[in-house]
Each structure stands twice: as structure tokens, then as C-alpha cells.
Amino acid sequence: MSNKPQRQMRSLSDLPKPILILEGIGIALLIVVLLAMNSYLELPEPLMQKGALIAIVMVGIGCLIPATINIVWRAIHGLSFLGIDNEKTARPGRKQKPSDNDKKDEKGE
């Protein structure tokens, strides 16, 4: 498995496949409820009850939430003014190269 670096999201197709599948399921459920409530689609009797339709709507919205979280997380992660560092941090056991400020501190300036 290759570990690709995180890049900016250019389109919705950059979402992970499981999230895209959940997004499709959620949209399909919401469309089915809309068609059933407007009598364009006939569902079995237990699913046509008010409580069942509300439950289907909630499940549909629940399927849309992971994509929303992913998109918002990538958008916030790309903002530099919030103080979020986009650079990958070094591993705990790995030494970092000293920066210019560290070199000045060592010289006593």
C-alpha cells in the first residue's frame, strides 16, 4: 500500500470510496422517501407508516454526515490562519534538523 500525501481536494470524487458509497445510499434513501410521500412510489405497508418514513429520513441524513465531516475537515485543515500546521510532524524517535533560530540560540546570540 502506498501512503499518498494529503493534497487539496479538487472535486467530490477525491472522497474515499466508502464515504462516496454512503453518500449514494443516503441520497437514494431520501429520494425514495420523497417519492413515497408524494405517491409516486408505492412502498410495502410497514414502510408507509409515518414513523418508518421518519426513520428512513434519519438514516439517509446519517449517511450524508461522514461526507460533510470529511469535506469540512479538509477545508479547515487547509486554512493557515487558524494556526493549523499542514506540515507533517516528525516521528517521535527521529531527530529534526535544527532551524535557524536554534542555531542562533546555540551561539549565544
PDB file of N, CA and C in Angstrom:
ATOM      1  N   MET A   1       0.829  -1.184   0.000  1.00  0.00           N
ATOM      2  CA  MET A   1       0.000   0.000   0.000  1.00  0.00           C
ATOM      3  C   MET A   1       0.873   1.247   0.000  1.00  0.00           C
ATOM      4  N   SER A   2       0.589   2.140  -0.878  1.00  0.00           N
ATOM      5  CA  SER A   2       1.341   3.380  -0.901  1.00  0.00           C
ATOM      6  C   SER A   2       0.630   4.415  -0.046  1.00  0.00           C
ATOM      7  N   ASN A   3       1.414   5.153   0.681  1.00  0.00           N
ATOM      8  CA  ASN A   3       0.859   6.177   1.552  1.00  0.00           C
ATOM      9  C   ASN A   3       0.960   7.508   0.828  1.00  0.00           C
ATOM     10  N   LYS A   4      -0.125   7.909   0.137  1.00  0.00           N
ATOM     11  CA  LYS A   4      -0.117   9.137  -0.633  1.00  0.00           C
ATOM     12  C   LYS A   4      -0.190  10.334   0.301  1.00  0.00           C
ATOM     13  N   PRO A   5       0.565  11.388   0.004  1.00  0.00           N
ATOM     14  CA  PRO A   5       0.450  12.587   0.832  1.00  0.00           C
ATOM     15  C   PRO A   5      -0.907  13.238   0.621  1.00  0.00           C
ATOM     16  N   GLN A   6      -1.406  13.867   1.680  1.00  0.00           N
ATOM     17  CA  GLN A   6      -2.717  14.519   1.582  1.00  0.00           C
ATOM     18  C   GLN A   6      -2.577  15.755   0.719  1.00  0.00           C
ATOM     19  N   ARG A   7      -3.413  15.849  -0.275  1.00  0.00           N
ATOM     20  CA  ARG A   7      -3.400  17.006  -1.159  1.00  0.00           C
ATOM     21  C   ARG A   7      -4.741  17.704  -1.058  1.00  0.00           C
ATOM     22  N   GLN A   8      -4.814  18.854  -1.665  1.00  0.00           N
ATOM     23  CA  GLN A   8      -6.067  19.581  -1.605  1.00  0.00           C
ATOM     24  C   GLN A   8      -7.123  18.839  -2.406  1.00  0.00           C
ATOM     25  N   MET A   9      -8.346  18.891  -1.907  1.00  0.00           N
ATOM     26  CA  MET A   9      -9.437  18.218  -2.583  1.00  0.00           C
ATOM     27  C   MET A   9      -9.925  19.105  -3.726  1.00  0.00           C
ATOM     28  N   ARG A  10      -9.863  18.583  -4.923  1.00  0.00           N
ATOM     29  CA  ARG A  10     -10.266  19.361  -6.086  1.00  0.00           C
ATOM     30  C   ARG A  10     -11.715  19.106  -6.472  1.00  0.00           C
ATOM     31  N   SER A  11     -12.218  17.928  -6.177  1.00  0.00           N
ATOM     32  CA  SER A  11     -13.606  17.618  -6.503  1.00  0.00           C
ATOM     33  C   SER A  11     -14.139  16.604  -5.498  1.00  0.00           C
ATOM     34  N   LEU A  12     -15.433  16.342  -5.579  1.00  0.00           N
ATOM     35  CA  LEU A  12     -16.035  15.379  -4.665  1.00  0.00           C
ATOM     36  C   LEU A  12     -15.572  13.956  -4.946  1.00  0.00           C
ATOM     37  N   SER A  13     -15.009  13.700  -6.118  1.00  0.00           N
ATOM     38  CA  SER A  13     -14.523  12.353  -6.407  1.00  0.00           C
ATOM     39  C   SER A  13     -13.242  12.041  -5.645  1.00  0.00           C
ATOM     40  N   ASP A  14     -12.653  13.028  -4.980  1.00  0.00           N
ATOM     41  CA  ASP A  14     -11.472  12.793  -4.160  1.00  0.00           C
ATOM     42  C   ASP A  14     -11.831  12.203  -2.801  1.00  0.00           C
ATOM     43  N   LEU A  15     -13.108  12.088  -2.497  1.00  0.00           N
ATOM     44  CA  LEU A  15     -13.521  11.492  -1.231  1.00  0.00           C
ATOM     45  C   LEU A  15     -13.199   9.998  -1.241  1.00  0.00           C
ATOM     46  N   PRO A  16     -12.935   9.424  -0.084  1.00  0.00           N
ATOM     47  CA  PRO A  16     -12.708   7.973  -0.028  1.00  0.00           C
ATOM     48  C   PRO A  16     -13.935   7.203  -0.518  1.00  0.00           C
ATOM     49  N   LYS A  17     -13.704   6.023  -1.094  1.00  0.00           N
ATOM     50  CA  LYS A  17     -14.798   5.251  -1.689  1.00  0.00           C
ATOM     51  C   LYS A  17     -15.896   4.876  -0.696  1.00  0.00           C
ATOM     52  N   PRO A  18     -15.573   4.460   0.544  1.00  0.00           N
ATOM     53  CA  PRO A  18     -16.679   4.148   1.466  1.00  0.00           C
ATOM     54  C   PRO A  18     -17.582   5.354   1.741  1.00  0.00           C
ATOM     55  N   ILE A  19     -16.998   6.529   1.786  1.00  0.00           N
ATOM     56  CA  ILE A  19     -17.797   7.736   2.024  1.00  0.00           C
ATOM     57  C   ILE A  19     -18.658   8.044   0.806  1.00  0.00           C
ATOM     58  N   LEU A  20     -18.124   7.823  -0.396  1.00  0.00           N
ATOM     59  CA  LEU A  20     -18.925   8.030  -1.604  1.00  0.00           C
ATOM     60  C   LEU A  20     -20.091   7.046  -1.664  1.00  0.00           C
ATOM     61  N   ILE A  21     -19.850   5.803  -1.240  1.00  0.00           N
ATOM     62  CA  ILE A  21     -20.922   4.807  -1.229  1.00  0.00           C
ATOM     63  C   ILE A  21     -22.007   5.211  -0.237  1.00  0.00           C
ATOM     64  N   LEU A  22     -21.600   5.652   0.970  1.00  0.00           N
ATOM     65  CA  LEU A  22     -22.579   6.122   1.957  1.00  0.00           C
ATOM     66  C   LEU A  22     -23.363   7.317   1.427  1.00  0.00           C
ATOM     67  N   GLU A  23     -22.687   8.198   0.728  1.00  0.00           N
ATOM     68  CA  GLU A  23     -23.347   9.374   0.148  1.00  0.00           C
ATOM     69  C   GLU A  23     -24.425   8.935  -0.853  1.00  0.00           C
ATOM     70  N   GLY A  24     -24.088   7.974  -1.697  1.00  0.00           N
ATOM     71  CA  GLY A  24     -25.062   7.474  -2.670  1.00  0.00           C
ATOM     72  C   GLY A  24     -26.251   6.804  -2.004  1.00  0.00           C
ATOM     73  N   ILE A  25     -25.987   6.009  -0.960  1.00  0.00           N
ATOM     74  CA  ILE A  25     -27.076   5.339  -0.237  1.00  0.00           C
ATOM     75  C   ILE A  25     -27.984   6.380   0.419  1.00  0.00           C
ATOM     76  N   GLY A  26     -27.388   7.397   1.033  1.00  0.00           N
ATOM     77  CA  GLY A  26     -28.176   8.438   1.692  1.00  0.00           C
ATOM     78  C   GLY A  26     -29.053   9.205   0.721  1.00  0.00           C
ATOM     79  N   ILE A  27     -28.494   9.558  -0.419  1.00  0.00           N
ATOM     80  CA  ILE A  27     -29.279  10.283  -1.429  1.00  0.00           C
ATOM     81  C   ILE A  27     -30.417   9.407  -1.953  1.00  0.00           C
ATOM     82  N   ALA A  28     -30.113   8.122  -2.187  1.00  0.00           N
ATOM     83  CA  ALA A  28     -31.146   7.204  -2.686  1.00  0.00           C
ATOM     84  C   ALA A  28     -32.280   7.056  -1.668  1.00  0.00           C
ATOM     85  N   LEU A  29     -31.944   6.929  -0.388  1.00  0.00           N
ATOM     86  CA  LEU A  29     -32.985   6.806   0.639  1.00  0.00           C
ATOM     87  C   LEU A  29     -33.866   8.048   0.700  1.00  0.00           C
ATOM     88  N   LEU A  30     -33.244   9.217   0.626  1.00  0.00           N
ATOM     89  CA  LEU A  30     -34.028  10.450   0.676  1.00  0.00           C
ATOM     90  C   LEU A  30     -34.926  10.598  -0.553  1.00  0.00           C
ATOM     91  N   ILE A  31     -34.449  10.178  -1.709  1.00  0.00           N
ATOM     92  CA  ILE A  31     -35.279  10.234  -2.922  1.00  0.00           C
ATOM     93  C   ILE A  31     -36.447   9.264  -2.810  1.00  0.00           C
ATOM     94  N   VAL A  32     -36.205   8.065  -2.270  1.00  0.00           N
ATOM     95  CA  VAL A  32     -37.285   7.078  -2.103  1.00  0.00           C
ATOM     96  C   VAL A  32     -38.363   7.630  -1.169  1.00  0.00           C
ATOM     97  N   VAL A  33     -37.951   8.270  -0.081  1.00  0.00           N
ATOM     98  CA  VAL A  33     -38.933   8.835   0.856  1.00  0.00           C
ATOM     99  C   VAL A  33     -39.723   9.954   0.184  1.00  0.00           C
ATOM    100  N   LEU A  34     -39.049  10.794  -0.564  1.00  0.00           N
ATOM    101  CA  LEU A  34     -39.744  11.880  -1.253  1.00  0.00           C
ATOM    102  C   LEU A  34     -40.778  11.339  -2.233  1.00  0.00           C
ATOM    103  N   LEU A  35     -40.381  10.339  -3.014  1.00  0.00           N
ATOM    104  CA  LEU A  35     -41.318   9.757  -3.982  1.00  0.00           C
ATOM    105  C   LEU A  35     -42.466   9.029  -3.296  1.00  0.00           C
ATOM    106  N   ALA A  36     -42.180   8.373  -2.178  1.00  0.00           N
ATOM    107  CA  ALA A  36     -43.234   7.651  -1.458  1.00  0.00           C
ATOM    108  C   ALA A  36     -44.226   8.618  -0.815  1.00  0.00           C
ATOM    109  N   MET A  37     -43.741   9.724  -0.294  1.00  0.00           N
ATOM    110  CA  MET A  37     -44.638  10.685   0.363  1.00  0.00           C
ATOM    111  C   MET A  37     -45.527  11.404  -0.644  1.00  0.00           C
ATOM    112  N   ASN A  38     -45.055  11.547  -1.880  1.00  0.00           N
ATOM    113  CA  ASN A  38     -45.849  12.212  -2.915  1.00  0.00           C
ATOM    114  C   ASN A  38     -46.623  11.220  -3.782  1.00  0.00           C
ATOM    115  N   SER A  39     -46.714   9.974  -3.352  1.00  0.00           N
ATOM    116  CA  SER A  39     -47.485   8.913  -4.013  1.00  0.00           C
ATOM    117  C   SER A  39     -47.006   8.582  -5.419  1.00  0.00           C
ATOM    118  N   TYR A  40     -45.728   8.805  -5.693  1.00  0.00           N
ATOM    119  CA  TYR A  40     -45.167   8.381  -6.971  1.00  0.00           C
ATOM    120  C   TYR A  40     -44.600   6.970  -6.875  1.00  0.00           C
ATOM    121  N   LEU A  41     -44.352   6.512  -5.648  1.00  0.00           N
ATOM    122  CA  LEU A  41     -43.768   5.208  -5.412  1.00  0.00           C
ATOM    123  C   LEU A  41     -44.552   4.525  -4.304  1.00  0.00           C
ATOM    124  N   GLU A  42     -44.865   3.284  -4.513  1.00  0.00           N
ATOM    125  CA  GLU A  42     -45.626   2.533  -3.518  1.00  0.00           C
ATOM    126  C   GLU A  42     -44.689   1.605  -2.761  1.00  0.00           C
ATOM    127  N   LEU A  43     -44.534   1.860  -1.473  1.00  0.00           N
ATOM    128  CA  LEU A  43     -43.704   1.018  -0.613  1.00  0.00           C
ATOM    129  C   LEU A  43     -44.593   0.007   0.104  1.00  0.00           C
ATOM    130  N   PRO A  44     -44.006  -1.069   0.651  1.00  0.00           N
ATOM    131  CA  PRO A  44     -44.803  -2.007   1.456  1.00  0.00           C
ATOM    132  C   PRO A  44     -45.458  -1.285   2.638  1.00  0.00           C
ATOM    133  N   GLU A  45     -46.557  -1.821   3.097  1.00  0.00           N
ATOM    134  CA  GLU A  45     -47.361  -1.177   4.140  1.00  0.00           C
ATOM    135  C   GLU A  45     -46.576  -0.801   5.397  1.00  0.00           C
ATOM    136  N   PRO A  46     -45.701  -1.673   5.928  1.00  0.00           N
ATOM    137  CA  PRO A  46     -44.966  -1.262   7.140  1.00  0.00           C
ATOM    138  C   PRO A  46     -44.059  -0.053   6.911  1.00  0.00           C
ATOM    139  N   LEU A  47     -43.561   0.113   5.693  1.00  0.00           N
ATOM    140  CA  LEU A  47     -42.668   1.244   5.406  1.00  0.00           C
ATOM    141  C   LEU A  47     -43.425   2.533   5.091  1.00  0.00           C
ATOM    142  N   MET A  48     -44.729   2.444   4.866  1.00  0.00           N
ATOM    143  CA  MET A  48     -45.508   3.645   4.552  1.00  0.00           C
ATOM    144  C   MET A  48     -46.032   4.351   5.800  1.00  0.00           C
ATOM    145  N   GLN A  49     -45.754   3.813   6.958  1.00  0.00           N
ATOM    146  CA  GLN A  49     -46.188   4.470   8.191  1.00  0.00           C
ATOM    147  C   GLN A  49     -45.297   5.684   8.463  1.00  0.00           C
ATOM    148  N   LYS A  50     -45.860   6.636   9.188  1.00  0.00           N
ATOM    149  CA  LYS A  50     -45.160   7.890   9.445  1.00  0.00           C
ATOM    150  C   LYS A  50     -43.837   7.668  10.173  1.00  0.00           C
ATOM    151  N   GLY A  51     -43.836   6.803  11.171  1.00  0.00           N
ATOM    152  CA  GLY A  51     -42.617   6.543  11.932  1.00  0.00           C
ATOM    153  C   GLY A  51     -41.521   5.907  11.093  1.00  0.00           C
ATOM    154  N   ALA A  52     -41.902   5.003  10.201  1.00  0.00           N
ATOM    155  CA  ALA A  52     -40.918   4.340   9.337  1.00  0.00           C
ATOM    156  C   ALA A  52     -40.311   5.336   8.348  1.00  0.00           C
ATOM    157  N   LEU A  53     -41.141   6.226   7.796  1.00  0.00           N
ATOM    158  CA  LEU A  53     -40.623   7.233   6.866  1.00  0.00           C
ATOM    159  C   LEU A  53     -39.668   8.194   7.559  1.00  0.00           C
ATOM    160  N   ILE A  54     -39.984   8.568   8.796  1.00  0.00           N
ATOM    161  CA  ILE A  54     -39.088   9.448   9.557  1.00  0.00           C
ATOM    162  C   ILE A  54     -37.769   8.737   9.842  1.00  0.00           C
ATOM    163  N   ALA A  55     -37.856   7.444  10.163  1.00  0.00           N
ATOM    164  CA  ALA A  55     -36.633   6.676  10.424  1.00  0.00           C
ATOM    165  C   ALA A  55     -35.770   6.584   9.162  1.00  0.00           C
ATOM    166  N   ILE A  56     -36.392   6.396   8.006  1.00  0.00           N
ATOM    167  CA  ILE A  56     -35.646   6.318   6.747  1.00  0.00           C
ATOM    168  C   ILE A  56     -34.978   7.659   6.448  1.00  0.00           C
ATOM    169  N   VAL A  57     -35.672   8.757   6.721  1.00  0.00           N
ATOM    170  CA  VAL A  57     -35.079  10.085   6.514  1.00  0.00           C
ATOM    171  C   VAL A  57     -33.868  10.268   7.426  1.00  0.00           C
ATOM    172  N   MET A  58     -33.990   9.850   8.691  1.00  0.00           N
ATOM    173  CA  MET A  58     -32.873   9.984   9.626  1.00  0.00           C
ATOM    174  C   MET A  58     -31.673   9.138   9.193  1.00  0.00           C
ATOM    175  N   VAL A  59     -31.929   7.931   8.720  1.00  0.00           N
ATOM    176  CA  VAL A  59     -30.833   7.082   8.235  1.00  0.00           C
ATOM    177  C   VAL A  59     -30.198   7.707   6.997  1.00  0.00           C
ATOM    178  N   GLY A  60     -30.999   8.265   6.112  1.00  0.00           N
ATOM    179  CA  GLY A  60     -30.471   8.931   4.920  1.00  0.00           C
ATOM    180  C   GLY A  60     -29.591  10.111   5.266  1.00  0.00           C
ATOM    181  N   ILE A  61     -30.039  10.927   6.212  1.00  0.00           N
ATOM    182  CA  ILE A  61     -29.233  12.069   6.647  1.00  0.00           C
ATOM    183  C   ILE A  61     -27.968  11.584   7.353  1.00  0.00           C
ATOM    184  N   GLY A  62     -28.099  10.510   8.128  1.00  0.00           N
ATOM    185  CA  GLY A  62     -26.929   9.942   8.799  1.00  0.00           C
ATOM    186  C   GLY A  62     -25.888   9.453   7.812  1.00  0.00           C
ATOM    187  N   CYS A  63     -26.318   8.976   6.659  1.00  0.00           N
ATOM    188  CA  CYS A  63     -25.372   8.536   5.635  1.00  0.00           C
ATOM    189  C   CYS A  63     -24.666   9.719   4.961  1.00  0.00           C
ATOM    190  N   LEU A  64     -25.264  10.897   5.002  1.00  0.00           N
ATOM    191  CA  LEU A  64     -24.656  12.079   4.384  1.00  0.00           C
ATOM    192  C   LEU A  64     -23.651  12.770   5.306  1.00  0.00           C
ATOM    193  N   ILE A  65     -23.739  12.526   6.602  1.00  0.00           N
ATOM    194  CA  ILE A  65     -22.886  13.229   7.565  1.00  0.00           C
ATOM    195  C   ILE A  65     -21.392  12.926   7.406  1.00  0.00           C
ATOM    196  N   PRO A  66     -20.943  11.676   7.163  1.00  0.00           N
ATOM    197  CA  PRO A  66     -19.499  11.453   7.018  1.00  0.00           C
ATOM    198  C   PRO A  66     -18.861  12.257   5.887  1.00  0.00           C
ATOM    199  N   ALA A  67     -19.565  12.417   4.774  1.00  0.00           N
ATOM    200  CA  ALA A  67     -19.021  13.217   3.675  1.00  0.00           C
ATOM    201  C   ALA A  67     -18.895  14.678   4.091  1.00  0.00           C
ATOM    202  N   THR A  68     -19.882  15.169   4.812  1.00  0.00           N
ATOM    203  CA  THR A  68     -19.834  16.550   5.287  1.00  0.00           C
ATOM    204  C   THR A  68     -18.649  16.751   6.221  1.00  0.00           C
ATOM    205  N   ILE A  69     -18.466  15.831   7.143  1.00  0.00           N
ATOM    206  CA  ILE A  69     -17.342  15.938   8.085  1.00  0.00           C
ATOM    207  C   ILE A  69     -16.025  15.906   7.328  1.00  0.00           C
ATOM    208  N   ASN A  70     -15.901  15.019   6.345  1.00  0.00           N
ATOM    209  CA  ASN A  70     -14.665  14.909   5.577  1.00  0.00           C
ATOM    210  C   ASN A  70     -14.375  16.195   4.810  1.00  0.00           C
ATOM    211  N   ILE A  71     -15.382  16.760   4.165  1.00  0.00           N
ATOM    212  CA  ILE A  71     -15.191  17.988   3.384  1.00  0.00           C
ATOM    213  C   ILE A  71     -14.821  19.149   4.297  1.00  0.00           C
ATOM    214  N   VAL A  72     -15.519  19.284   5.416  1.00  0.00           N
ATOM    215  CA  VAL A  72     -15.224  20.383   6.346  1.00  0.00           C
ATOM    216  C   VAL A  72     -13.836  20.200   6.954  1.00  0.00           C
ATOM    217  N   TRP A  73     -13.472  18.964   7.295  1.00  0.00           N
ATOM    218  CA  TRP A  73     -12.159  18.719   7.882  1.00  0.00           C
ATOM    219  C   TRP A  73     -11.052  19.109   6.909  1.00  0.00           C
ATOM    220  N   ARG A  74     -11.205  18.732   5.635  1.00  0.00           N
ATOM    221  CA  ARG A  74     -10.183  19.099   4.647  1.00  0.00           C
ATOM    222  C   ARG A  74     -10.131  20.605   4.425  1.00  0.00           C
ATOM    223  N   ALA A  75     -11.278  21.259   4.470  1.00  0.00           N
ATOM    224  CA  ALA A  75     -11.293  22.714   4.280  1.00  0.00           C
ATOM    225  C   ALA A  75     -10.620  23.414   5.450  1.00  0.00           C
ATOM    226  N   ILE A  76     -10.914  23.004   6.671  1.00  0.00           N
ATOM    227  CA  ILE A  76     -10.304  23.626   7.842  1.00  0.00           C
ATOM    228  C   ILE A  76      -8.821  23.309   7.900  1.00  0.00           C
ATOM    229  N   HIS A  77      -8.458  22.095   7.527  1.00  0.00           N
ATOM    230  CA  HIS A  77      -7.055  21.692   7.565  1.00  0.00           C
ATOM    231  C   HIS A  77      -6.219  22.525   6.598  1.00  0.00           C
ATOM    232  N   GLY A  78      -6.818  23.016   5.540  1.00  0.00           N
ATOM    233  CA  GLY A  78      -6.095  23.818   4.559  1.00  0.00           C
ATOM    234  C   GLY A  78      -5.966  25.283   4.935  1.00  0.00           C
ATOM    235  N   LEU A  79      -6.669  25.727   5.966  1.00  0.00           N
ATOM    236  CA  LEU A  79      -6.597  27.127   6.361  1.00  0.00           C
ATOM    237  C   LEU A  79      -5.364  27.357   7.217  1.00  0.00           C
ATOM    238  N   SER A  80      -4.551  28.315   6.836  1.00  0.00           N
ATOM    239  CA  SER A  80      -3.328  28.569   7.593  1.00  0.00           C
ATOM    240  C   SER A  80      -3.548  29.588   8.710  1.00  0.00           C
ATOM    241  N   PHE A  81      -4.548  30.454   8.595  1.00  0.00           N
ATOM    242  CA  PHE A  81      -4.729  31.492   9.594  1.00  0.00           C
ATOM    243  C   PHE A  81      -5.286  30.970  10.909  1.00  0.00           C
ATOM    244  N   LEU A  82      -5.728  29.714  10.958  1.00  0.00           N
ATOM    245  CA  LEU A  82      -6.223  29.146  12.205  1.00  0.00           C
ATOM    246  C   LEU A  82      -5.096  28.585  13.073  1.00  0.00           C
ATOM    247  N   GLY A  83      -3.877  28.598  12.543  1.00  0.00           N
ATOM    248  CA  GLY A  83      -2.757  28.080  13.302  1.00  0.00           C
ATOM    249  C   GLY A  83      -2.579  26.585  13.158  1.00  0.00           C
ATOM    250  N   ILE A  84      -3.277  25.981  12.211  1.00  0.00           N
ATOM    251  CA  ILE A  84      -3.136  24.550  11.978  1.00  0.00           C
ATOM    252  C   ILE A  84      -1.967  24.356  11.030  1.00  0.00           C
ATOM    253  N   ASP A  85      -1.013  23.534  11.432  1.00  0.00           N
ATOM    254  CA  ASP A  85       0.177  23.310  10.635  1.00  0.00           C
ATOM    255  C   ASP A  85      -0.085  22.192   9.637  1.00  0.00           C
ATOM    256  N   ASN A  86       0.082  22.490   8.355  1.00  0.00           N
ATOM    257  CA  ASN A  86      -0.133  21.489   7.322  1.00  0.00           C
ATOM    258  C   ASN A  86       1.054  20.557   7.173  1.00  0.00           C
ATOM    259  N   GLU A  87       2.198  20.946   7.711  1.00  0.00           N
ATOM    260  CA  GLU A  87       3.394  20.122   7.604  1.00  0.00           C
ATOM    261  C   GLU A  87       3.228  18.884   8.450  1.00  0.00           C
ATOM    262  N   LYS A  88       3.742  17.777   7.956  1.00  0.00           N
ATOM    263  CA  LYS A  88       3.692  16.556   8.748  1.00  0.00           C
ATOM    264  C   LYS A  88       4.748  16.640   9.839  1.00  0.00           C
ATOM    265  N   THR A  89       4.355  16.262  11.029  1.00  0.00           N
ATOM    266  CA  THR A  89       5.306  16.281  12.127  1.00  0.00           C
ATOM    267  C   THR A  89       6.228  15.082  12.024  1.00  0.00           C
ATOM    268  N   ALA A  90       7.424  15.254  12.559  1.00  0.00           N
ATOM    269  CA  ALA A  90       8.404  14.176  12.505  1.00  0.00           C
ATOM    270  C   ALA A  90       7.999  13.062  13.461  1.00  0.00           C
ATOM    271  N   ARG A  91       8.518  11.895  13.213  1.00  0.00           N
ATOM    272  CA  ARG A  91       8.242  10.773  14.101  1.00  0.00           C
ATOM    273  C   ARG A  91       8.883  11.028  15.449  1.00  0.00           C
ATOM    274  N   PRO A  92       8.322  10.487  16.528  1.00  0.00           N
ATOM    275  CA  PRO A  92       8.846  10.766  17.862  1.00  0.00           C
ATOM    276  C   PRO A  92      10.310  10.378  18.049  1.00  0.00           C
ATOM    277  N   GLY A  93      10.770   9.304  17.443  1.00  0.00           N
ATOM    278  CA  GLY A  93      12.141   8.861  17.641  1.00  0.00           C
ATOM    279  C   GLY A  93      13.120   9.467  16.672  1.00  0.00           C
ATOM    280  N   ARG A  94      12.685  10.310  15.798  1.00  0.00           N
ATOM    281  CA  ARG A  94      13.524  10.860  14.739  1.00  0.00           C
ATOM    282  C   ARG A  94      13.951  12.271  15.100  1.00  0.00           C
ATOM    283  N   LYS A  95      15.243  12.576  14.901  1.00  0.00           N
ATOM    284  CA  LYS A  95      15.745  13.917  15.204  1.00  0.00           C
ATOM    285  C   LYS A  95      15.451  14.847  14.042  1.00  0.00           C
ATOM    286  N   GLN A  96      15.085  16.070  14.381  1.00  0.00           N
ATOM    287  CA  GLN A  96      14.808  17.065  13.361  1.00  0.00           C
ATOM    288  C   GLN A  96      16.062  17.880  13.114  1.00  0.00           C
ATOM    289  N   LYS A  97      16.148  18.455  11.920  1.00  0.00           N
ATOM    290  CA  LYS A  97      17.255  19.351  11.621  1.00  0.00           C
ATOM    291  C   LYS A  97      17.033  20.643  12.394  1.00  0.00           C
ATOM    292  N   PRO A  98      18.079  21.198  12.976  1.00  0.00           N
ATOM    293  CA  PRO A  98      17.884  22.449  13.721  1.00  0.00           C
ATOM    294  C   PRO A  98      17.554  23.597  12.775  1.00  0.00           C
ATOM    295  N   SER A  99      16.636  24.427  13.195  1.00  0.00           N
ATOM    296  CA  SER A  99      16.257  25.581  12.378  1.00  0.00           C
ATOM    297  C   SER A  99      17.245  26.716  12.617  1.00  0.00           C
ATOM    298  N   ASP A 100      17.076  27.805  11.883  1.00  0.00           N
ATOM    299  CA  ASP A 100      17.970  28.954  12.021  1.00  0.00           C
ATOM    300  C   ASP A 100      17.899  29.540  13.425  1.00  0.00           C
ATOM    301  N   ASN A 101      16.710  29.576  14.024  1.00  0.00           N
ATOM    302  CA  ASN A 101      16.558  30.116  15.372  1.00  0.00           C
ATOM    303  C   ASN A 101      17.317  29.272  16.390  1.00  0.00           C
ATOM    304  N   ASP A 102      17.312  27.955  16.214  1.00  0.00           N
ATOM    305  CA  ASP A 102      18.027  27.084  17.127  1.00  0.00           C
ATOM    306  C   ASP A 102      19.516  27.295  17.016  1.00  0.00           C
ATOM    307  N   LYS A 103      20.029  27.557  15.813  1.00  0.00           N
ATOM    308  CA  LYS A 103      21.467  27.797  15.626  1.00  0.00           C
ATOM    309  C   LYS A 103      21.903  29.083  16.319  1.00  0.00           C
ATOM    310  N   LYS A 104      21.051  30.120  16.255  1.00  0.00           N
ATOM    311  CA  LYS A 104      21.380  31.376  16.923  1.00  0.00           C
ATOM    312  C   LYS A 104      21.409  31.199  18.428  1.00  0.00           C
ATOM    313  N   ASP A 105      20.490  30.399  18.967  1.00  0.00           N
ATOM    314  CA  ASP A 105      20.442  30.166  20.409  1.00  0.00           C
ATOM    315  C   ASP A 105      21.685  29.417  20.884  1.00  0.00           C
ATOM    316  N   GLU A 106      22.186  28.508  20.074  1.00  0.00           N
ATOM    317  CA  GLU A 106      23.375  27.755  20.455  1.00  0.00           C
ATOM    318  C   GLU A 106      24.609  28.632  20.469  1.00  0.00           C
ATOM    319  N   LYS A 107      24.679  29.633  19.579  1.00  0.00           N
ATOM    320  CA  LYS A 107      25.831  30.527  19.514  1.00  0.00           C
ATOM    321  C   LYS A 107      25.813  31.577  20.610  1.00  0.00           C
ATOM    322  N   GLY A 108      24.690  31.723  21.245  1.00  0.00           N
ATOM    323  CA  GLY A 108      24.567  32.681  22.338  1.00  0.00           C
ATOM    324  C   GLY A 108      24.125  34.056  21.891  1.00  0.00           C
ATOM    325  N   GLU A 109      23.586  34.175  20.742  1.00  0.00           N
ATOM    326  CA  GLU A 109      23.134  35.476  20.270  1.00  0.00           C
ATOM    327  C   GLU A 109      21.804  35.842  20.822  1.00  0.00           C
TER     328      GLU A 109
END
